[in-house]
Protein backbone atom coordinates (compact mmCIF):
# COMPACT_ATOMS: atom_id res chain seq x y z
CA SER A 1 16.30 -13.97 41.97
CA GLU A 2 17.65 -12.34 38.73
CA GLN A 3 16.81 -15.09 36.43
CA LYS A 4 12.74 -14.13 38.10
CA ASN A 5 13.37 -10.06 36.83
CA GLN A 6 13.95 -11.03 34.34
CA ALA A 7 11.84 -13.66 32.92
CA LYS A 8 8.92 -11.07 34.32
CA ALA A 9 10.16 -8.36 32.59
CA ALA A 10 10.45 -10.11 29.17
CA LEU A 11 6.41 -11.23 29.52
CA TYR A 12 6.02 -7.47 30.42
CA LEU A 13 7.42 -6.92 27.44
CA LEU A 14 6.47 -9.52 25.44
CA GLN A 15 2.80 -8.26 26.64
CA ALA A 16 3.14 -4.76 25.74
CA GLU A 17 4.71 -6.08 21.88
CA ALA A 18 1.58 -7.98 21.19
CA SER A 19 -0.82 -4.97 22.30
CA GLY A 20 1.45 -2.62 19.76
CA GLY A 21 2.11 -0.49 22.29
CA PRO A 22 1.10 3.09 21.52
CA SER A 23 -0.54 3.30 18.19
CA GLU A 24 -2.55 0.12 18.79
CA HIS A 25 -3.77 -0.53 15.23
CA LYS A 26 -0.27 -1.43 14.54
CA LYS A 27 0.02 -4.79 15.76
CA VAL A 28 3.60 -6.69 15.78
CA THR A 29 4.45 -10.72 16.12
CA PRO A 30 6.85 -10.01 18.72
CA ASN A 31 10.13 -11.52 18.96
CA LEU A 32 10.91 -13.68 21.96
CA ASP A 33 14.87 -13.71 21.29
CA ALA A 34 15.23 -10.65 20.52
CA ILE A 35 13.15 -9.94 23.43
CA LYS A 36 15.41 -12.31 25.92
CA GLU A 37 18.08 -10.49 24.59
CA SER A 38 17.73 -6.79 25.26
CA VAL A 39 16.50 -8.26 28.70
CA GLY A 40 18.87 -9.84 29.46
CA ALA A 41 21.10 -7.03 28.66
CA ALA A 42 19.53 -4.48 30.16
CA SER A 43 18.83 -5.82 33.89
CA LYS A 44 23.17 -4.83 35.19
CA ASN A 45 22.13 -1.36 33.73
CA LEU A 46 18.58 -0.73 35.23
CA ARG A 47 18.98 -1.17 38.90
CA ASP A 48 18.71 2.45 40.62
CA SER A 49 17.71 4.15 38.10
CA LYS A 50 14.42 7.21 37.75
CA VAL A 51 12.61 8.23 34.70
CA LEU A 52 10.21 10.09 33.96
CA TRP A 53 7.10 9.13 32.34
CA VAL A 54 4.98 12.39 30.94
CA ASP A 55 1.98 11.00 29.29
CA ASP A 56 -2.05 12.31 29.79
CA ASN A 57 -2.97 8.94 29.36
CA SER A 58 -0.47 6.84 31.09
CA GLN A 59 -3.00 3.61 31.70
CA GLY A 60 -2.16 2.78 28.31
CA GLN A 61 1.60 1.49 29.23
CA THR A 62 1.20 -0.42 32.09
CA TYR A 63 3.57 -3.55 30.54
CA GLU A 64 5.97 -1.45 29.73
CA ARG A 65 6.60 0.44 32.73
CA GLN A 66 5.92 -3.41 34.50
CA ALA A 67 8.87 -4.79 32.38
CA LEU A 68 11.04 -1.69 32.96
CA GLU A 69 10.67 -1.99 36.96
CA GLN A 70 11.36 -5.48 37.19
CA LEU A 71 14.86 -4.67 36.19
CA GLY A 72 14.68 -1.67 38.71
CA VAL A 73 13.51 1.11 37.22
CA GLU A 74 11.81 3.49 39.09
CA PHE A 75 9.11 5.25 37.60
CA VAL A 76 7.49 8.94 38.27
CA LEU A 77 4.57 10.24 36.23
CA ALA A 78 3.63 13.22 34.65
CA LYS A 79 0.68 14.60 32.79
CA ASN A 80 1.71 17.07 31.60
CA THR A 81 4.73 19.73 30.54
CA GLU A 82 4.09 21.94 33.18
CA GLN A 83 3.90 18.96 35.79
CA ALA A 84 6.77 17.45 34.10
CA LEU A 85 9.03 20.86 34.62
CA GLU A 86 8.14 21.14 38.29
CA ILE A 87 9.11 17.75 38.97
CA LEU A 88 12.05 18.01 36.68
CA LYS A 89 13.23 20.57 38.73
CA ASP A 90 13.70 19.33 42.29
CA GLN A 91 14.48 15.49 41.00
CA GLN A 92 17.32 13.85 38.90
CA PHE A 93 16.00 11.24 36.09
CA GLN A 94 18.36 9.29 33.58
CA ALA A 95 16.23 9.55 31.40
CA VAL A 96 12.24 11.82 30.08
CA ILE A 97 9.85 9.30 28.41
CA THR A 98 7.32 11.84 27.25
CA ASP A 99 4.36 11.18 24.29
CA PHE A 100 3.62 13.32 21.14
CA LYS A 101 0.24 14.58 22.29
CA ARG A 102 -1.65 15.92 24.44
CA SER A 103 -5.16 17.34 24.87
CA GLU A 104 -3.30 20.86 25.52
CA ASP A 105 -0.76 20.93 23.15
CA SER A 106 -0.43 18.72 19.30
CA THR A 107 3.03 18.69 19.38
CA ALA A 108 3.30 18.76 23.48
CA GLY A 109 6.90 16.36 22.77
CA TYR A 110 8.66 18.87 21.39
CA THR A 111 7.49 21.52 23.18
CA LEU A 112 8.61 19.32 26.50
CA LEU A 113 12.19 19.11 24.89
CA LYS A 114 12.90 22.57 24.02
CA LYS A 115 12.40 23.39 27.65
CA ILE A 116 13.98 20.42 28.73
CA GLN A 117 16.65 21.85 26.57
CA GLN A 118 15.97 25.47 27.95
CA GLU A 119 16.88 24.76 31.39
CA LYS A 120 19.51 22.47 30.45
CA ILE A 121 18.14 19.72 32.19
CA ASP A 122 20.78 16.74 31.46
CA ALA A 123 18.42 14.21 30.73
CA PRO A 124 17.78 11.93 27.42
CA VAL A 125 13.82 12.42 25.85
CA ILE A 126 12.58 9.67 24.43
CA ILE A 127 9.09 10.33 22.59
CA TYR A 128 6.61 7.45 22.93
CA SER A 129 4.05 7.71 19.64
CA GLY A 130 1.71 6.13 18.30
CA SER A 131 3.23 8.48 15.40
CA ALA A 132 6.02 7.65 15.02
CA THR A 133 7.11 7.38 11.24
CA PRO A 134 10.87 7.53 10.21
CA GLU A 135 10.02 11.18 9.49
CA PHE A 136 9.50 11.91 12.40
CA VAL A 137 11.82 9.88 13.90
CA ALA A 138 14.11 11.67 11.94
CA GLU A 139 12.70 15.03 13.27
CA ALA A 140 12.75 13.91 16.64
CA LYS A 141 16.75 13.39 16.66
CA SER A 142 17.14 16.65 14.51
CA PHE A 143 15.43 18.47 17.79
CA GLY A 144 17.82 16.74 20.01
CA ALA A 145 15.82 14.02 21.48
CA TYR A 146 17.32 10.76 22.20
CA GLY A 147 14.69 8.68 19.81
CA GLU A 148 11.29 8.42 18.82
CA THR A 149 9.28 4.80 18.89
CA ASN A 150 5.69 3.52 18.80
CA ARG A 151 7.47 -0.07 19.60
CA PRO A 152 8.06 -1.38 23.30
CA GLN A 153 11.14 -3.20 22.52
CA GLU A 154 12.65 -0.18 20.70
CA LEU A 155 11.40 1.78 23.64
CA PHE A 156 12.74 -0.95 26.11
CA ASP A 157 16.06 -0.91 24.49
CA MET A 158 15.54 2.61 23.96
CA VAL A 159 15.57 3.29 27.56
CA VAL A 160 18.71 0.53 28.91
CA ASN A 161 21.07 2.01 26.58
CA ALA A 162 19.98 5.84 27.80
CA VAL A 163 20.16 5.22 31.38
CA LYS A 164 23.94 3.51 30.98
CA LYS A 165 25.95 4.56 33.43
């Protein structure tokens, strides 16, 4: 049922927040009311959405993905920029989530963002990175990213808002 899916999504989001997201050093106390509100607001918007997640270490974000999958998001995973661009040629996505640094490129998030813009691919790009300082967030947006965050709940809310039809 929808309520059960919402409860599971909230639990996964709570676990993601408690684990600290991509910046494990920065533990935050999850705000359960805010999580319930996010999940409740999201549940109808996410069905049949497809999101490309680009990260060379995608094992770290299982809870974030599970929270969104509970509400109907389908994820396709890519390990690097080249793989992501190949996938983007063949499939349409409501959003792209990317890490910032990858082993082959210290600014991989921006590299991918620029290539998506050059190819005129219509999908908002969200950078999910441990280094999401206010300065980096402003810079990412100035380069055309939908947003940048290191907080699982902010990521969840950005994805919900990006895929709204």
